Amino acid sequence: MLKTIAAGLLGAALSAGAANAAVLWDFQETGGDVVGIFAGSLDLSGAGSAGAGGLPFDLFSASDAAAIQSDSTGSFDTYEFDAAPANFGTDGLTLATSGTGDAFAVLGANSGNEVGVPTGYASGQALAGTLTFANQTFAALGVTPGSYVFSLPNDTITVRFGPTAPVPLPATLPLLLAGFGGLALLRRRRAG
């Protein structure tokens, strides 16, 4: 009985914090460079197709809220955002020193209001890659540090610039720990 209750409490606590699929593109100043690493997956159901597009190079534009990581083909399938930030700051176009991984692009409200994914991408597939800007800083790129959210009908993409904040405890964790403590105390009383 106690095992069943404990398993139920643990399952409830873990499922309470479950998140939907999403992509986080995290840019940090590191070792004199700016490096952006993205990972996640997207649910594109309900998103309007904007066709195909692409660029054969990697770039960034703070004034247009645009970041593009191309692959060897330079092509993307594009989908429309429900909402997108207008910019990440003030500066214009900067070519990346290098990029790796999947083709992926975010184009803000000033530059098309679209997300670019690898040609033939199916919802839920993993996306991952990097963009590196050697010998750059956020200031040189014209970036205003913070988090910027691009919204699709059933998902989000967050582009974050700057130090990451500590992750807060889920609200259910203290309650779960108190419940386990109470169960342990009850078990001790019954045994003794």
C-alpha atoms as a PDB file:
ATOM      1  CA  MET A   1       0.000   0.000   0.000  1.00  0.00           C
ATOM      2  CA  LEU A   2       2.760   2.454   0.933  1.00  0.00           C
ATOM      3  CA  LYS A   3       4.637   1.633  -2.255  1.00  0.00           C
ATOM      4  CA  THR A   4       1.514   2.344  -4.317  1.00  0.00           C
ATOM      5  CA  ILE A   5       0.954   5.703  -2.587  1.00  0.00           C
ATOM      6  CA  ALA A   6       4.634   6.661  -2.949  1.00  0.00           C
ATOM      7  CA  ALA A   7       4.643   5.724  -6.637  1.00  0.00           C
ATOM      8  CA  GLY A   8       1.476   7.772  -7.211  1.00  0.00           C
ATOM      9  CA  LEU A   9       2.922  10.822  -5.463  1.00  0.00           C
ATOM     10  CA  LEU A  10       6.166  10.574  -7.415  1.00  0.00           C
ATOM     11  CA  GLY A  11       4.321  10.212 -10.725  1.00  0.00           C
ATOM     12  CA  ALA A  12       2.107  13.207  -9.966  1.00  0.00           C
ATOM     13  CA  ALA A  13       5.085  15.377  -9.045  1.00  0.00           C
ATOM     14  CA  LEU A  14       7.025  14.445 -12.147  1.00  0.00           C
ATOM     15  CA  SER A  15       4.099  14.912 -14.512  1.00  0.00           C
ATOM     16  CA  ALA A  16       3.168  18.286 -13.012  1.00  0.00           C
ATOM     17  CA  GLY A  17       6.376  19.819 -14.354  1.00  0.00           C
ATOM     18  CA  ALA A  18       6.314  18.122 -17.755  1.00  0.00           C
ATOM     19  CA  ALA A  19       6.830  20.542 -20.627  1.00  0.00           C
ATOM     20  CA  ASN A  20       5.794  20.367 -24.251  1.00  0.00           C
ATOM     21  CA  ALA A  21       8.299  20.021 -27.036  1.00  0.00           C
ATOM     22  CA  ALA A  22      10.223  23.216 -27.662  1.00  0.00           C
ATOM     23  CA  VAL A  23      13.541  24.546 -28.901  1.00  0.00           C
ATOM     24  CA  LEU A  24      15.912  26.614 -26.777  1.00  0.00           C
ATOM     25  CA  TRP A  25      18.626  28.562 -28.591  1.00  0.00           C
ATOM     26  CA  ASP A  26      21.022  29.687 -25.876  1.00  0.00           C
ATOM     27  CA  PHE A  27      23.690  32.291 -26.717  1.00  0.00           C
ATOM     28  CA  GLN A  28      26.562  32.852 -24.289  1.00  0.00           C
ATOM     29  CA  GLU A  29      29.760  34.902 -24.296  1.00  0.00           C
ATOM     30  CA  THR A  30      32.504  32.356 -23.794  1.00  0.00           C
ATOM     31  CA  GLY A  31      36.275  32.566 -24.269  1.00  0.00           C
ATOM     32  CA  GLY A  32      36.092  35.816 -26.251  1.00  0.00           C
ATOM     33  CA  ASP A  33      33.427  34.448 -28.618  1.00  0.00           C
ATOM     34  CA  VAL A  34      29.648  34.372 -28.766  1.00  0.00           C
ATOM     35  CA  VAL A  35      28.352  30.816 -29.098  1.00  0.00           C
ATOM     36  CA  GLY A  36      24.717  29.882 -29.649  1.00  0.00           C
ATOM     37  CA  ILE A  37      23.640  26.292 -29.046  1.00  0.00           C
ATOM     38  CA  PHE A  38      20.152  25.117 -29.958  1.00  0.00           C
ATOM     39  CA  ALA A  39      18.405  21.860 -29.120  1.00  0.00           C
ATOM     40  CA  GLY A  40      14.891  20.494 -28.890  1.00  0.00           C
ATOM     41  CA  SER A  41      12.050  19.544 -31.178  1.00  0.00           C
ATOM     42  CA  LEU A  42       8.997  21.298 -32.566  1.00  0.00           C
ATOM     43  CA  ASP A  43       5.328  20.520 -33.009  1.00  0.00           C
ATOM     44  CA  LEU A  44       4.482  22.255 -36.285  1.00  0.00           C
ATOM     45  CA  SER A  45       0.856  21.098 -36.388  1.00  0.00           C
ATOM     46  CA  GLY A  46      -1.395  24.057 -37.042  1.00  0.00           C
ATOM     47  CA  ALA A  47       1.469  26.250 -38.284  1.00  0.00           C
ATOM     48  CA  GLY A  48       0.944  27.741 -41.731  1.00  0.00           C
ATOM     49  CA  SER A  49       3.524  26.674 -44.294  1.00  0.00           C
ATOM     50  CA  ALA A  50       5.378  29.606 -45.808  1.00  0.00           C
ATOM     51  CA  GLY A  51       7.037  27.372 -48.444  1.00  0.00           C
ATOM     52  CA  ALA A  52      10.707  26.712 -48.908  1.00  0.00           C
ATOM     53  CA  GLY A  53      13.623  29.038 -48.545  1.00  0.00           C
ATOM     54  CA  GLY A  54      17.169  29.153 -47.390  1.00  0.00           C
ATOM     55  CA  LEU A  55      20.555  30.726 -47.362  1.00  0.00           C
ATOM     56  CA  PRO A  56      23.904  29.033 -47.959  1.00  0.00           C
ATOM     57  CA  PHE A  57      25.551  30.751 -44.977  1.00  0.00           C
ATOM     58  CA  ASP A  58      25.135  31.298 -41.235  1.00  0.00           C
ATOM     59  CA  LEU A  59      24.155  34.739 -39.998  1.00  0.00           C
ATOM     60  CA  PHE A  60      22.702  36.826 -37.219  1.00  0.00           C
ATOM     61  CA  SER A  61      20.861  40.150 -37.136  1.00  0.00           C
ATOM     62  CA  ALA A  62      19.937  41.684 -33.777  1.00  0.00           C
ATOM     63  CA  SER A  63      17.869  44.436 -35.410  1.00  0.00           C
ATOM     64  CA  ASP A  64      15.709  41.873 -37.252  1.00  0.00           C
ATOM     65  CA  ALA A  65      15.516  39.145 -34.554  1.00  0.00           C
ATOM     66  CA  ALA A  66      17.071  36.770 -37.083  1.00  0.00           C
ATOM     67  CA  ALA A  67      19.446  33.857 -36.537  1.00  0.00           C
ATOM     68  CA  ILE A  68      20.178  31.298 -39.250  1.00  0.00           C
ATOM     69  CA  GLN A  69      22.206  28.084 -38.982  1.00  0.00           C
ATOM     70  CA  SER A  70      22.433  26.629 -42.486  1.00  0.00           C
ATOM     71  CA  ASP A  71      23.466  23.117 -43.449  1.00  0.00           C
ATOM     72  CA  SER A  72      25.303  21.894 -46.555  1.00  0.00           C
ATOM     73  CA  THR A  73      22.149  22.247 -48.697  1.00  0.00           C
ATOM     74  CA  GLY A  74      21.304  25.762 -47.543  1.00  0.00           C
ATOM     75  CA  SER A  75      17.593  24.975 -47.790  1.00  0.00           C
ATOM     76  CA  PHE A  76      14.715  25.088 -45.299  1.00  0.00           C
ATOM     77  CA  ASP A  77      11.012  24.421 -45.070  1.00  0.00           C
ATOM     78  CA  THR A  78       9.477  27.521 -43.504  1.00  0.00           C
ATOM     79  CA  TYR A  79       6.437  27.997 -41.259  1.00  0.00           C
ATOM     80  CA  GLU A  80       4.757  31.143 -39.979  1.00  0.00           C
ATOM     81  CA  PHE A  81       4.953  32.242 -36.338  1.00  0.00           C
ATOM     82  CA  ASP A  82       1.822  33.313 -34.478  1.00  0.00           C
ATOM     83  CA  ALA A  83       3.955  35.869 -32.657  1.00  0.00           C
ATOM     84  CA  ALA A  84       7.618  36.847 -32.810  1.00  0.00           C
ATOM     85  CA  PRO A  85       9.790  39.591 -31.340  1.00  0.00           C
ATOM     86  CA  ALA A  86      10.695  42.469 -33.644  1.00  0.00           C
ATOM     87  CA  ASN A  87      14.394  42.486 -32.667  1.00  0.00           C
ATOM     88  CA  PHE A  88      17.105  41.232 -30.285  1.00  0.00           C
ATOM     89  CA  GLY A  89      18.753  44.651 -30.113  1.00  0.00           C
ATOM     90  CA  THR A  90      20.041  47.311 -32.477  1.00  0.00           C
ATOM     91  CA  ASP A  91      22.815  46.089 -34.769  1.00  0.00           C
ATOM     92  CA  GLY A  92      22.534  44.760 -38.311  1.00  0.00           C
ATOM     93  CA  LEU A  93      23.828  41.707 -40.134  1.00  0.00           C
ATOM     94  CA  THR A  94      26.817  39.664 -38.889  1.00  0.00           C
ATOM     95  CA  LEU A  95      28.076  36.497 -40.577  1.00  0.00           C
ATOM     96  CA  ALA A  96      28.930  33.640 -38.237  1.00  0.00           C
ATOM     97  CA  THR A  97      32.457  32.255 -38.109  1.00  0.00           C
ATOM     98  CA  SER A  98      31.085  28.713 -38.082  1.00  0.00           C
ATOM     99  CA  GLY A  99      27.926  26.708 -37.722  1.00  0.00           C
ATOM    100  CA  THR A 100      27.235  23.031 -37.157  1.00  0.00           C
ATOM    101  CA  GLY A 101      24.232  20.752 -37.037  1.00  0.00           C
ATOM    102  CA  ASP A 102      20.733  20.951 -38.442  1.00  0.00           C
ATOM    103  CA  ALA A 103      19.456  23.719 -40.674  1.00  0.00           C
ATOM    104  CA  PHE A 104      17.437  25.995 -38.393  1.00  0.00           C
ATOM    105  CA  ALA A 105      16.339  29.617 -38.569  1.00  0.00           C
ATOM    106  CA  VAL A 106      14.232  32.092 -36.652  1.00  0.00           C
ATOM    107  CA  LEU A 107      13.125  35.219 -38.471  1.00  0.00           C
ATOM    108  CA  GLY A 108      11.405  37.807 -36.314  1.00  0.00           C
ATOM    109  CA  ALA A 109       8.566  40.182 -37.044  1.00  0.00           C
ATOM    110  CA  ASN A 110      10.886  42.546 -38.968  1.00  0.00           C
ATOM    111  CA  SER A 111      12.355  39.819 -41.185  1.00  0.00           C
ATOM    112  CA  GLY A 112       9.607  37.440 -42.276  1.00  0.00           C
ATOM    113  CA  ASN A 113       8.011  36.146 -39.068  1.00  0.00           C
ATOM    114  CA  GLU A 114       9.034  32.550 -39.871  1.00  0.00           C
ATOM    115  CA  VAL A 115      10.848  29.494 -38.534  1.00  0.00           C
ATOM    116  CA  GLY A 116      13.045  27.494 -40.887  1.00  0.00           C
ATOM    117  CA  VAL A 117      13.509  23.767 -40.297  1.00  0.00           C
ATOM    118  CA  PRO A 118      15.395  21.108 -42.309  1.00  0.00           C
ATOM    119  CA  THR A 119      13.681  20.211 -45.579  1.00  0.00           C
ATOM    120  CA  GLY A 120      11.305  17.323 -44.903  1.00  0.00           C
ATOM    121  CA  TYR A 121      11.267  17.897 -41.121  1.00  0.00           C
ATOM    122  CA  ALA A 122       8.554  15.958 -39.267  1.00  0.00           C
ATOM    123  CA  SER A 123       7.108  17.288 -35.998  1.00  0.00           C
ATOM    124  CA  GLY A 124       8.868  15.856 -32.973  1.00  0.00           C
ATOM    125  CA  GLN A 125      12.220  15.140 -34.658  1.00  0.00           C
ATOM    126  CA  ALA A 126      15.246  16.306 -32.681  1.00  0.00           C
ATOM    127  CA  LEU A 127      16.957  19.523 -33.758  1.00  0.00           C
ATOM    128  CA  ALA A 128      20.452  20.508 -32.626  1.00  0.00           C
ATOM    129  CA  GLY A 129      23.278  22.772 -33.735  1.00  0.00           C
ATOM    130  CA  THR A 130      25.556  25.689 -32.980  1.00  0.00           C
ATOM    131  CA  LEU A 131      26.535  29.106 -34.296  1.00  0.00           C
ATOM    132  CA  THR A 132      29.881  30.662 -33.344  1.00  0.00           C
ATOM    133  CA  PHE A 133      30.904  34.303 -33.728  1.00  0.00           C
ATOM    134  CA  ALA A 134      34.655  34.462 -33.068  1.00  0.00           C
ATOM    135  CA  ASN A 135      36.063  37.497 -31.285  1.00  0.00           C
ATOM    136  CA  GLN A 136      32.602  38.967 -30.697  1.00  0.00           C
ATOM    137  CA  THR A 137      30.604  40.132 -27.691  1.00  0.00           C
ATOM    138  CA  PHE A 138      26.911  40.771 -27.208  1.00  0.00           C
ATOM    139  CA  ALA A 139      27.684  44.490 -27.367  1.00  0.00           C
ATOM    140  CA  ALA A 140      29.515  44.124 -30.698  1.00  0.00           C
ATOM    141  CA  LEU A 141      26.568  42.144 -32.100  1.00  0.00           C
ATOM    142  CA  GLY A 142      24.140  44.811 -30.840  1.00  0.00           C
ATOM    143  CA  VAL A 143      22.319  42.330 -28.600  1.00  0.00           C
ATOM    144  CA  THR A 144      20.147  43.312 -25.673  1.00  0.00           C
ATOM    145  CA  PRO A 145      20.567  40.384 -23.229  1.00  0.00           C
ATOM    146  CA  GLY A 146      17.374  38.572 -22.266  1.00  0.00           C
ATOM    147  CA  SER A 147      14.954  35.936 -23.497  1.00  0.00           C
ATOM    148  CA  TYR A 148      12.901  36.240 -26.681  1.00  0.00           C
ATOM    149  CA  VAL A 149       9.980  33.909 -27.393  1.00  0.00           C
ATOM    150  CA  PHE A 150       8.704  32.925 -30.838  1.00  0.00           C
ATOM    151  CA  SER A 151       5.247  31.311 -30.759  1.00  0.00           C
ATOM    152  CA  LEU A 152       3.803  28.648 -33.033  1.00  0.00           C
ATOM    153  CA  PRO A 153       0.229  27.360 -32.623  1.00  0.00           C
ATOM    154  CA  ASN A 154       1.383  24.374 -30.523  1.00  0.00           C
ATOM    155  CA  ASP A 155       4.952  25.187 -29.519  1.00  0.00           C
ATOM    156  CA  THR A 156       7.558  27.828 -28.746  1.00  0.00           C
ATOM    157  CA  ILE A 157      11.142  28.690 -29.551  1.00  0.00           C
ATOM    158  CA  THR A 158      13.073  30.652 -26.950  1.00  0.00           C
ATOM    159  CA  VAL A 159      16.227  32.528 -27.931  1.00  0.00           C
ATOM    160  CA  ARG A 160      18.193  33.512 -24.832  1.00  0.00           C
ATOM    161  CA  PHE A 161      21.196  35.818 -24.586  1.00  0.00           C
ATOM    162  CA  GLY A 162      23.260  35.969 -21.417  1.00  0.00           C
ATOM    163  CA  PRO A 163      23.847  34.096 -18.212  1.00  0.00           C
ATOM    164  CA  THR A 164      21.290  31.488 -17.333  1.00  0.00           C
ATOM    165  CA  ALA A 165      19.299  31.947 -14.157  1.00  0.00           C
ATOM    166  CA  PRO A 166      19.260  29.132 -11.630  1.00  0.00           C
ATOM    167  CA  VAL A 167      16.438  26.696 -12.218  1.00  0.00           C
ATOM    168  CA  PRO A 168      13.852  27.000  -9.433  1.00  0.00           C
ATOM    169  CA  LEU A 169      12.553  23.931  -7.687  1.00  0.00           C
ATOM    170  CA  PRO A 170       9.260  22.693  -9.029  1.00  0.00           C
ATOM    171  CA  ALA A 171       6.448  23.854  -6.757  1.00  0.00           C
ATOM    172  CA  THR A 172       5.484  20.243  -6.053  1.00  0.00           C
ATOM    173  CA  LEU A 173       8.946  19.127  -4.870  1.00  0.00           C
ATOM    174  CA  PRO A 174       8.684  20.433  -1.270  1.00  0.00           C
ATOM    175  CA  LEU A 175       5.200  18.934  -1.012  1.00  0.00           C
ATOM    176  CA  LEU A 176       6.482  15.606  -2.335  1.00  0.00           C
ATOM    177  CA  LEU A 177       9.353  15.575   0.165  1.00  0.00           C
ATOM    178  CA  ALA A 178       6.979  16.426   3.035  1.00  0.00           C
ATOM    179  CA  GLY A 179       4.698  13.581   1.910  1.00  0.00           C
ATOM    180  CA  PHE A 180       7.585  11.108   1.885  1.00  0.00           C
ATOM    181  CA  GLY A 181       8.647  12.319   5.327  1.00  0.00           C
ATOM    182  CA  GLY A 182       5.116  11.805   6.623  1.00  0.00           C
ATOM    183  CA  LEU A 183       4.973   8.299   5.143  1.00  0.00           C
ATOM    184  CA  ALA A 184       8.309   7.417   6.731  1.00  0.00           C
ATOM    185  CA  LEU A 185       7.115   8.690  10.125  1.00  0.00           C
ATOM    186  CA  LEU A 186       3.868   6.709   9.822  1.00  0.00           C
ATOM    187  CA  ARG A 187       5.804   3.564   8.935  1.00  0.00           C
ATOM    188  CA  ARG A 188       8.119   3.988  11.936  1.00  0.00           C
ATOM    189  CA  ARG A 189       5.161   4.421  14.291  1.00  0.00           C
ATOM    190  CA  ARG A 190       3.473   1.289  12.970  1.00  0.00           C
ATOM    191  CA  ALA A 191       6.676  -0.759  13.196  1.00  0.00           C
ATOM    192  CA  GLY A 192       7.590   0.403  16.687  1.00  0.00           C
END
